[in-house]
């Protein structure tokens, strides 16, 4: 069947109503399914654009297998695949006719998105991708054009199972693997690929939504490929200074050159984005999620200072460690990096405290960060240091006027120091929610061991629970 400019009246059993879109590989039609009286989208693939008959046969067979795999995906965030067929010189796939317009359309019209909008959209995308990946299906061409956004903000991923044939290096000469702007390094160099190429593409989209620019560019395909494989992107906070500081570290991990340095799953990337962006949703309650598993490279380049120690005479290594442990209950395992980074900004106590408070997920956490930091510094900095006695005295009202929620709940059975240790260690497994879990466990705890056992009930993964108990020396 030839695919003329004027749409055909029929494709298989499906009556063509109109043209929805047209690309290099084929045409997408709005059509009617007479069997169950519903409208569908029919995407055709032109066999003649492939290199030769043998390649065409291979590609059509792969397309069929991918359509079968995609047809098994039943998720509200994925456009459903209903049918596959071949007519004359075209293969076609029948899909759900999903409402909405592409995210690409919204990006072109609206420019940079807010952190709230970005988090809302990408959380939906990552949930759908996680579902597909768990069933062995990789999209391979995640990009704004393949995301449909309805008027109420719901997102559906389209073209599952189609990307492989459209991005194959067996297509006709001149066709690029995938969509270059969203491709991972391994796609450019022909390395083995897995689900992490989809996560890299999400990282590119998040960067684009938040800054209005893509992380990698080039006037030619070769220049773009070099940047993706070898170049370093500009930290997003440099392009949009209003972004939360943690955005740099989360996207550095999402856009890591090596797959093993990226987030291991869609769920991990979603948690990282939530930790970075959720606290900054104006007027919205903070979303408490486990902290992301940032790679050492990302932490070193985006969070940790590059000079020796911190360059701050206020903070010895011992004080740094104490601060990290005390703040882990609020900031999770990223506390250490944040403490070190903030320490490079100033040698003034008030400036240091204010820099730390900017990472607070909620106003209540901001208060706790300030109180904890000032209390730790007042205890730890010896007399004669950069803090004078009046400065220390000036801290004390802030320490005592409003004790933190954890301090209020500490019983005589467990010392405040032990409570801080439990929170810090627990945060390595569950992130900032550790403080909440410990607070709930304290009233029932009769000693440190029982507190650890009660807090460990909040760790879902058995291996993580065992690691926590071992670290706390609880048998």
Protein backbone atom coordinates (compact mmCIF):
# COMPACT_ATOMS: atom_id res chain seq x y z
CA UNK A 1 0.00 0.00 0.00
CA UNK A 2 1.45 3.37 -0.97
CA UNK A 3 1.07 6.25 1.44
CA UNK A 4 0.02 9.26 -0.65
CA UNK A 5 -0.46 12.81 0.56
CA UNK A 6 -4.20 12.22 0.53
CA UNK A 7 -4.88 9.74 3.34
CA UNK A 8 -6.11 6.29 2.35
CA UNK A 9 -9.67 5.43 3.18
CA UNK A 10 -8.77 2.19 4.93
CA UNK A 11 -5.77 0.58 6.65
CA UNK A 12 -6.62 -3.02 7.35
CA UNK A 13 -9.99 -2.98 9.08
CA UNK A 14 -9.49 0.56 10.34
CA UNK A 15 -11.31 3.41 8.54
CA UNK A 16 -9.05 6.47 8.27
CA UNK A 17 -10.61 9.73 9.49
CA UNK A 18 -7.72 12.20 9.30
CA UNK A 19 -3.95 12.67 9.51
CA UNK A 20 -2.57 13.28 13.00
CA UNK A 21 1.08 13.64 12.09
CA UNK A 22 3.79 12.70 9.61
CA UNK A 23 7.44 11.78 10.05
CA UNK A 24 10.38 10.34 8.17
CA UNK A 25 9.28 6.75 8.74
CA UNK A 26 5.55 7.02 8.17
CA UNK A 27 2.24 8.70 8.98
CA UNK A 28 -0.01 8.65 12.04
CA UNK A 29 -3.74 8.60 11.31
CA UNK A 30 -6.86 9.06 13.37
CA UNK A 31 -9.00 6.06 12.52
CA UNK A 32 -12.14 4.19 13.54
CA UNK A 33 -12.12 0.62 14.82
CA UNK A 34 -15.42 -0.91 13.67
CA UNK A 35 -15.07 -3.99 15.87
CA UNK A 36 -15.61 -2.12 19.11
CA UNK A 37 -16.72 1.27 17.75
CA UNK A 38 -13.88 3.45 19.06
CA UNK A 39 -11.40 5.91 17.62
CA UNK A 40 -7.75 4.91 17.58
CA UNK A 41 -4.39 6.16 16.34
CA UNK A 42 -2.79 4.12 13.56
CA UNK A 43 0.93 4.62 13.01
CA UNK A 44 2.33 3.30 9.75
CA UNK A 45 5.92 2.39 8.99
CA UNK A 46 7.02 2.65 5.36
CA UNK A 47 9.00 -0.40 4.34
CA UNK A 48 10.43 1.38 1.32
CA UNK A 49 12.46 3.82 3.44
CA UNK A 50 14.57 0.93 4.72
CA UNK A 51 17.85 0.05 3.02
CA UNK A 52 16.76 -3.10 1.12
CA UNK A 53 14.22 -5.91 1.22
CA UNK A 54 16.24 -8.04 3.63
CA UNK A 55 16.73 -5.15 6.04
CA UNK A 56 13.07 -4.22 5.65
CA UNK A 57 12.02 -7.75 6.58
CA UNK A 58 14.29 -7.73 9.63
CA UNK A 59 13.00 -4.35 10.76
CA UNK A 60 9.36 -5.23 10.31
CA UNK A 61 9.85 -8.41 12.32
CA UNK A 62 11.59 -6.48 15.08
CA UNK A 63 8.83 -3.88 14.95
CA UNK A 64 6.25 -6.63 15.32
CA UNK A 65 8.04 -8.12 18.33
CA UNK A 66 8.37 -4.71 19.95
CA UNK A 67 4.67 -4.04 19.33
CA UNK A 68 3.83 -7.31 21.05
CA UNK A 69 6.02 -6.37 24.02
CA UNK A 70 4.53 -2.89 24.23
CA UNK A 71 1.05 -4.36 23.94
CA UNK A 72 1.60 -6.09 27.28
CA UNK A 73 2.13 -2.75 29.03
CA UNK A 74 -1.01 -1.68 30.81
CA UNK A 75 -0.37 1.54 32.68
CA UNK A 76 -2.27 4.85 32.87
CA UNK A 77 0.93 6.70 31.97
CA UNK A 78 1.58 4.72 28.76
CA UNK A 79 -0.38 4.96 25.52
CA UNK A 80 -1.87 1.49 25.04
CA UNK A 81 -1.01 -0.63 22.01
CA UNK A 82 -4.02 -2.53 20.64
CA UNK A 83 -3.01 -4.19 17.39
CA UNK A 84 -0.33 -4.76 14.77
CA UNK A 85 -0.67 -5.53 11.09
CA UNK A 86 0.88 -5.35 7.61
CA UNK A 87 -0.77 -4.15 4.42
CA UNK A 88 1.14 -4.14 1.13
CA UNK A 89 4.34 -2.15 1.69
CA UNK A 90 3.52 -0.78 5.14
CA UNK A 91 3.45 -2.14 8.64
CA UNK A 92 1.15 -0.46 11.12
CA UNK A 93 0.51 -0.36 14.81
CA UNK A 94 -2.81 0.59 16.40
CA UNK A 95 -2.68 2.62 19.58
CA UNK A 96 -4.90 4.37 22.07
CA UNK A 97 -6.00 7.78 20.84
CA UNK A 98 -4.84 9.71 23.89
CA UNK A 99 -6.04 13.26 24.53
CA UNK A 100 -3.63 16.14 24.90
CA UNK A 101 -0.75 17.81 23.11
CA UNK A 102 2.93 16.95 23.16
CA UNK A 103 5.21 18.31 25.86
CA UNK A 104 7.36 19.61 23.01
CA UNK A 105 4.48 21.92 22.08
CA UNK A 106 4.29 23.25 25.65
CA UNK A 107 8.07 23.72 25.87
CA UNK A 108 8.11 25.71 22.62
CA UNK A 109 5.30 27.97 23.85
CA UNK A 110 6.03 28.35 27.56
CA UNK A 111 9.80 28.27 27.97
CA UNK A 112 11.29 27.24 31.35
CA UNK A 113 8.93 25.45 33.72
CA UNK A 114 8.67 25.91 37.47
CA UNK A 115 10.17 23.30 39.79
CA UNK A 116 6.63 22.28 40.78
CA UNK A 117 5.51 21.77 37.16
CA UNK A 118 8.71 19.93 36.26
CA UNK A 119 8.52 17.61 39.25
CA UNK A 120 4.84 16.87 38.60
CA UNK A 121 5.41 15.97 34.96
CA UNK A 122 8.63 13.99 35.38
CA UNK A 123 7.36 12.03 38.37
CA UNK A 124 4.56 10.70 36.17
CA UNK A 125 6.99 9.88 33.36
CA UNK A 126 9.37 8.05 35.70
CA UNK A 127 6.56 6.05 37.28
CA UNK A 128 5.50 4.85 33.83
CA UNK A 129 9.09 4.12 32.79
CA UNK A 130 9.71 2.17 35.97
CA UNK A 131 6.69 0.01 35.19
CA UNK A 132 7.90 -0.62 31.62
CA UNK A 133 11.48 -1.34 32.69
CA UNK A 134 10.26 -3.86 35.26
CA UNK A 135 8.73 -5.76 32.36
CA UNK A 136 11.85 -5.63 30.22
CA UNK A 137 10.69 -2.90 27.83
CA UNK A 138 13.00 0.04 27.12
CA UNK A 139 11.59 3.00 25.21
CA UNK A 140 14.86 4.16 23.57
CA UNK A 141 13.50 7.50 22.38
CA UNK A 142 12.21 9.43 25.38
CA UNK A 143 11.78 13.10 24.42
CA UNK A 144 9.17 15.86 24.80
CA UNK A 145 7.60 14.98 21.44
CA UNK A 146 6.77 11.50 22.75
CA UNK A 147 5.01 12.74 25.90
CA UNK A 148 1.35 13.70 25.64
CA UNK A 149 0.06 16.15 28.27
CA UNK A 150 -3.69 16.46 28.83
CA UNK A 151 -5.43 19.65 29.92
CA UNK A 152 -5.49 18.42 33.53
CA UNK A 153 -1.72 17.77 33.57
CA UNK A 154 -1.75 13.99 33.11
CA UNK A 155 1.15 12.60 31.08
CA UNK A 156 1.19 9.61 28.76
CA UNK A 157 4.28 8.19 27.06
CA UNK A 158 3.69 7.28 23.45
CA UNK A 159 5.62 5.26 20.86
CA UNK A 160 6.67 2.43 23.15
CA UNK A 161 7.98 -0.34 20.96
CA UNK A 162 8.34 1.94 17.97
CA UNK A 163 11.56 3.68 18.92
CA UNK A 164 13.70 0.62 18.25
CA UNK A 165 12.88 0.46 14.57
CA UNK A 166 13.01 4.22 14.14
CA UNK A 167 16.36 4.51 15.89
CA UNK A 168 18.00 1.42 14.40
CA UNK A 169 21.29 1.77 12.57
CA UNK A 170 19.79 -0.54 9.95
CA UNK A 171 17.50 2.20 8.68
CA UNK A 172 18.16 4.07 5.48
CA UNK A 173 21.30 6.14 5.05
CA UNK A 174 21.28 9.41 6.95
CA UNK A 175 18.93 8.29 9.72
CA UNK A 176 20.39 8.98 13.14
CA UNK A 177 20.17 6.62 16.09
CA UNK A 178 17.38 7.90 18.29
CA UNK A 179 16.80 11.64 18.72
CA UNK A 180 20.34 13.05 19.11
CA UNK A 181 19.55 15.80 21.65
CA UNK A 182 18.24 13.22 24.15
CA UNK A 183 20.58 10.32 23.44
CA UNK A 184 22.94 8.84 26.02
CA UNK A 185 26.68 8.54 25.31
CA UNK A 186 26.45 4.77 24.76
CA UNK A 187 23.94 5.31 21.95
CA UNK A 188 26.40 7.54 20.10
CA UNK A 189 29.35 5.18 20.46
CA UNK A 190 27.38 2.01 19.73
CA UNK A 191 27.85 0.50 23.17
CA UNK A 192 25.46 -1.86 24.94
CA UNK A 193 22.27 -0.15 26.06
CA UNK A 194 19.72 -0.82 28.76
CA UNK A 195 16.97 1.04 30.62
CA UNK A 196 19.42 3.70 31.80
CA UNK A 197 19.35 5.40 28.39
CA UNK A 198 15.73 6.30 29.17
CA UNK A 199 16.82 7.80 32.49
CA UNK A 200 19.54 9.85 30.78
CA UNK A 201 16.88 11.22 28.41
CA UNK A 202 14.71 12.18 31.39
CA UNK A 203 17.71 14.02 32.85
CA UNK A 204 18.06 16.00 29.62
CA UNK A 205 14.36 16.87 29.71
CA UNK A 206 14.47 17.97 33.36
CA UNK A 207 17.45 20.20 32.58
CA UNK A 208 15.62 21.66 29.59
CA UNK A 209 12.39 22.26 31.48
CA UNK A 210 14.13 24.01 34.38
CA UNK A 211 16.58 26.16 32.39
CA UNK A 212 15.04 26.58 28.95
CA UNK A 213 18.19 25.09 27.39
CA UNK A 214 19.51 21.61 26.77
CA UNK A 215 22.62 20.44 28.63
CA UNK A 216 24.52 19.55 25.46
CA UNK A 217 24.57 21.29 22.10
CA UNK A 218 26.44 21.54 18.83
CA UNK A 219 25.96 22.99 15.39
CA UNK A 220 26.53 19.58 13.79
CA UNK A 221 25.69 16.04 14.79
CA UNK A 222 29.40 15.35 15.27
CA UNK A 223 29.78 18.35 17.58
CA UNK A 224 26.72 17.31 19.58
CA UNK A 225 27.98 13.73 19.86
CA UNK A 226 31.34 14.94 21.15
CA UNK A 227 29.68 17.07 23.82
CA UNK A 228 27.43 14.23 24.99
CA UNK A 229 30.26 11.69 25.12
CA UNK A 230 33.08 13.92 26.38
CA UNK A 231 31.82 17.38 27.33
CA UNK A 232 30.58 18.69 30.67
CA UNK A 233 27.26 20.46 30.96
CA UNK A 234 26.89 23.81 32.66
CA UNK A 235 25.40 23.28 36.15
CA UNK A 236 21.69 24.13 35.89
CA UNK A 237 21.84 26.59 38.79
CA UNK A 238 24.25 28.72 36.75
CA UNK A 239 21.63 29.04 34.03
CA UNK A 240 18.75 29.46 36.47
CA UNK A 241 20.01 30.83 39.82
CA UNK A 242 16.54 30.38 41.34
CA UNK A 243 16.88 26.59 41.29
CA UNK A 244 17.49 24.70 44.55
CA UNK A 245 21.22 23.98 45.08
CA UNK A 246 20.71 20.20 45.10
CA UNK A 247 19.50 20.32 41.50
CA UNK A 248 23.11 20.37 40.27
CA UNK A 249 24.05 17.13 42.05
CA UNK A 250 20.89 15.25 41.06
CA UNK A 251 21.26 16.13 37.37
CA UNK A 252 24.99 15.42 37.44
CA UNK A 253 24.10 11.86 38.42
CA UNK A 254 21.25 11.58 35.89
CA UNK A 255 23.56 12.80 33.09
CA UNK A 256 26.65 10.81 34.06
CA UNK A 257 28.67 9.58 31.09
CA UNK A 258 28.87 5.99 32.31
CA UNK A 259 25.59 4.13 32.84
CA UNK A 260 26.80 2.62 36.12
CA UNK A 261 27.33 6.12 37.54
CA UNK A 262 23.69 7.11 36.91
CA UNK A 263 20.65 6.29 38.98
CA UNK A 264 19.99 2.57 38.86
CA UNK A 265 16.25 2.87 38.36
CA UNK A 266 13.45 5.26 37.49
CA UNK A 267 12.35 5.15 41.13
CA UNK A 268 15.78 6.32 42.33
CA UNK A 269 15.78 9.22 39.88
CA UNK A 270 12.26 10.16 40.97
CA UNK A 271 13.38 10.19 44.61
CA UNK A 272 16.36 12.36 43.72
CA UNK A 273 14.18 14.88 41.90
CA UNK A 274 11.69 14.93 44.76
CA UNK A 275 14.43 15.59 47.29
CA UNK A 276 15.84 18.41 45.17
CA UNK A 277 12.64 20.05 43.95
CA UNK A 278 9.71 19.17 46.23
CA UNK A 279 10.74 21.43 49.13
CA UNK A 280 10.69 24.36 46.72
CA UNK A 281 7.07 24.04 45.66
CA UNK A 282 5.51 27.33 46.70
CA UNK A 283 2.62 26.84 49.06
CA UNK A 284 2.83 23.05 48.88
CA UNK A 285 3.76 20.65 51.70
CA UNK A 286 7.20 19.12 51.37
CA UNK A 287 7.36 15.59 50.03
CA UNK A 288 9.44 13.43 52.35
CA UNK A 289 11.33 10.82 50.33
CA UNK A 290 14.47 8.73 50.75
CA UNK A 291 17.60 10.54 49.65
CA UNK A 292 18.99 9.78 46.17
CA UNK A 293 21.97 7.50 45.73
CA UNK A 294 24.24 10.13 44.20
CA UNK A 295 27.41 8.92 42.57
CA UNK A 296 30.76 9.85 44.08
CA UNK A 297 31.56 11.78 40.91
CA UNK A 298 28.42 13.86 41.16
CA UNK A 299 29.00 14.64 44.82
CA UNK A 300 32.60 15.57 44.21
CA UNK A 301 31.84 17.86 41.29
CA UNK A 302 28.58 19.41 42.41
CA UNK A 303 28.48 19.38 46.21
CA UNK A 304 31.88 18.86 47.76
CA UNK A 305 34.51 21.63 47.79
CA UNK A 306 37.62 21.05 45.71
CA UNK A 307 40.15 22.63 48.06
CA UNK A 308 41.79 21.05 51.12
CA UNK A 309 39.27 20.58 53.93
CA UNK A 310 36.94 23.59 53.80
CA UNK A 311 39.24 26.53 54.21
CA UNK A 312 37.03 27.60 57.11
CA UNK A 313 38.91 28.03 60.40
CA UNK A 314 35.69 27.51 62.32
CA UNK A 315 35.27 23.90 61.30
CA UNK A 316 37.71 21.18 62.19
CA UNK A 317 37.20 17.66 60.87
CA UNK A 318 35.70 16.62 64.20
CA UNK A 319 33.20 19.48 64.17
CA UNK A 320 32.31 18.69 60.56
CA UNK A 321 31.59 15.07 61.43
CA UNK A 322 29.44 16.10 64.38
CA UNK A 323 27.48 18.55 62.26
CA UNK A 324 26.96 15.96 59.53
CA UNK A 325 25.56 13.48 62.02
CA UNK A 326 23.34 16.05 63.69
CA UNK A 327 21.89 17.30 60.40
CA UNK A 328 21.49 13.92 58.69
CA UNK A 329 18.02 13.55 60.13
CA UNK A 330 16.87 16.60 58.15
CA UNK A 331 19.09 16.55 55.08
CA UNK A 332 19.72 12.81 54.76
CA UNK A 333 23.06 11.41 53.59
CA UNK A 334 23.72 14.61 51.64
CA UNK A 335 24.29 16.48 54.90
CA UNK A 336 28.06 16.04 54.70
CA UNK A 337 28.32 17.55 51.25
CA UNK A 338 26.07 20.46 52.13
CA UNK A 339 27.99 21.24 55.32
CA UNK A 340 31.29 21.31 53.43
CA UNK A 341 29.94 23.37 50.57
CA UNK A 342 28.35 25.95 52.87
CA UNK A 343 31.54 26.14 54.91
CA UNK A 344 33.43 27.39 51.84
CA UNK A 345 31.14 30.39 51.47
CA UNK A 346 31.96 32.26 54.67
CA UNK A 347 33.96 32.21 57.90
CA UNK A 348 31.12 34.01 59.68
CA UNK A 349 28.87 31.85 61.85
CA UNK A 350 25.65 33.59 60.89
CA UNK A 351 26.50 33.36 57.19
CA UNK A 352 27.32 29.67 57.54
CA UNK A 353 24.06 28.95 59.36
CA UNK A 354 22.04 30.90 56.82
CA UNK A 355 23.67 29.01 53.93
CA UNK A 356 22.74 25.70 55.56
CA UNK A 357 19.17 26.84 56.18
CA UNK A 358 18.66 27.44 52.47
CA UNK A 359 18.61 23.63 52.08
CA UNK A 360 15.72 23.23 54.52
CA UNK A 361 12.75 21.27 53.11
CA UNK A 362 10.20 23.10 55.31
CA UNK A 363 10.10 26.14 57.62
CA UNK A 364 10.06 23.77 60.61
CA UNK A 365 13.18 22.02 59.29
CA UNK A 366 14.82 25.38 58.71
CA UNK A 367 14.31 26.16 62.39
CA UNK A 368 15.72 22.79 63.39
CA UNK A 369 18.76 23.16 61.13
CA UNK A 370 19.53 26.54 62.64
CA UNK A 371 19.09 25.36 66.23
CA UNK A 372 21.08 22.16 65.71
CA UNK A 373 23.92 23.93 63.93
CA UNK A 374 24.23 26.70 66.49
CA UNK A 375 24.06 24.23 69.37
CA UNK A 376 26.74 22.01 67.81
CA UNK A 377 29.06 24.93 67.14
CA UNK A 378 28.55 26.34 70.62
CA UNK A 379 29.51 22.97 72.15
CA UNK A 380 32.38 22.18 69.83
CA UNK A 381 34.30 25.34 69.03
CA UNK A 382 36.94 25.94 71.69
CA UNK A 383 37.27 29.34 73.31
CA UNK A 384 39.58 31.71 71.50
CA UNK A 385 38.48 30.54 68.05
CA UNK A 386 36.80 32.68 65.46
CA UNK A 387 33.72 32.67 67.70
CA UNK A 388 34.01 35.07 70.60
CA UNK A 389 32.26 34.49 73.90
CA UNK A 390 29.60 37.13 73.11
CA UNK A 391 28.86 35.33 69.84
CA UNK A 392 28.41 32.03 71.65
CA UNK A 393 26.26 33.70 74.24
CA UNK A 394 24.20 35.20 71.48
CA UNK A 395 23.44 31.74 70.18
CA UNK A 396 22.07 30.34 73.38
CA UNK A 397 18.61 31.92 73.33
CA UNK A 398 18.05 30.46 69.88
CA UNK A 399 19.07 27.06 71.22
CA UNK A 400 16.87 26.98 74.23
CA UNK A 401 13.79 28.99 73.27
CA UNK A 402 12.42 26.38 70.89
CA UNK A 403 13.86 22.89 71.25
CA UNK A 404 13.54 20.62 68.23
CA UNK A 405 10.81 17.99 67.93
CA UNK A 406 13.37 15.23 68.53
CA UNK A 407 14.72 16.95 71.67
CA UNK A 408 11.22 17.26 73.09
CA UNK A 409 10.69 13.54 72.79
CA UNK A 410 13.98 12.34 74.27
CA UNK A 411 13.43 10.32 77.40
CA UNK A 412 15.91 9.74 80.18
CA UNK A 413 16.39 6.20 78.82
CA UNK A 414 18.16 7.43 75.64
CA UNK A 415 20.66 10.27 75.58
CA UNK A 416 20.36 13.09 73.02
CA UNK A 417 23.70 12.03 71.54
CA UNK A 418 22.43 8.49 70.98
CA UNK A 419 19.23 9.83 69.42
CA UNK A 420 21.31 11.88 66.98
CA UNK A 421 23.38 8.81 66.13
CA UNK A 422 20.28 6.74 65.43
CA UNK A 423 18.80 9.47 63.22
CA UNK A 424 22.04 9.89 61.27
CA UNK A 425 22.49 6.17 60.66
CA UNK A 426 18.84 5.59 59.85
CA UNK A 427 18.90 8.46 57.33
CA UNK A 428 21.39 6.49 55.23
CA UNK A 429 18.61 3.99 54.58
CA UNK A 430 15.44 6.08 54.51
CA UNK A 431 16.57 9.69 54.05
CA UNK A 432 15.00 12.68 55.82
CA UNK A 433 12.05 10.64 57.08
CA UNK A 434 14.48 9.14 59.63
CA UNK A 435 13.73 11.98 62.02
CA UNK A 436 10.01 11.21 61.91
CA UNK A 437 10.56 7.48 62.47
CA UNK A 438 12.81 8.07 65.46
CA UNK A 439 10.40 10.58 66.95
CA UNK A 440 7.59 8.01 66.75
CA UNK A 441 9.78 5.28 68.24
CA UNK A 442 11.09 7.28 71.21
CA UNK A 443 8.00 7.06 73.46
CA UNK A 444 8.14 3.24 73.27
CA UNK A 445 11.90 2.90 73.65
CA UNK A 446 13.30 1.70 76.97
CA UNK A 447 16.94 1.89 75.92
CA UNK A 448 19.15 2.47 72.87
CA UNK A 449 18.75 -1.10 71.63
CA UNK A 450 14.97 -0.98 71.68
CA UNK A 451 15.03 2.42 69.96
CA UNK A 452 17.13 0.97 67.14
CA UNK A 453 14.85 -2.05 66.76
CA UNK A 454 11.73 0.12 66.68
CA UNK A 455 13.28 2.58 64.20
CA UNK A 456 14.43 -0.29 61.98
CA UNK A 457 10.81 -1.27 61.42
CA UNK A 458 10.59 1.68 59.04
CA UNK A 459 13.27 0.24 56.71
CA UNK A 460 11.59 -1.77 53.96
CA UNK A 461 14.66 -3.49 52.51
CA UNK A 462 15.89 -6.36 54.68
CA UNK A 463 19.52 -5.83 53.67
CA UNK A 464 19.35 -2.14 54.61
CA UNK A 465 17.69 -3.01 57.90
CA UNK A 466 20.47 -5.46 58.72
CA UNK A 467 23.12 -2.90 57.77
CA UNK A 468 21.53 -0.31 60.05
CA UNK A 469 21.33 -2.67 63.03
CA UNK A 470 24.89 -3.80 62.48
CA UNK A 471 26.13 -0.21 62.32
CA UNK A 472 24.31 0.51 65.58
CA UNK A 473 25.76 -2.73 67.07
CA UNK A 474 22.34 -4.21 67.72
CA UNK A 475 22.19 -8.01 67.46
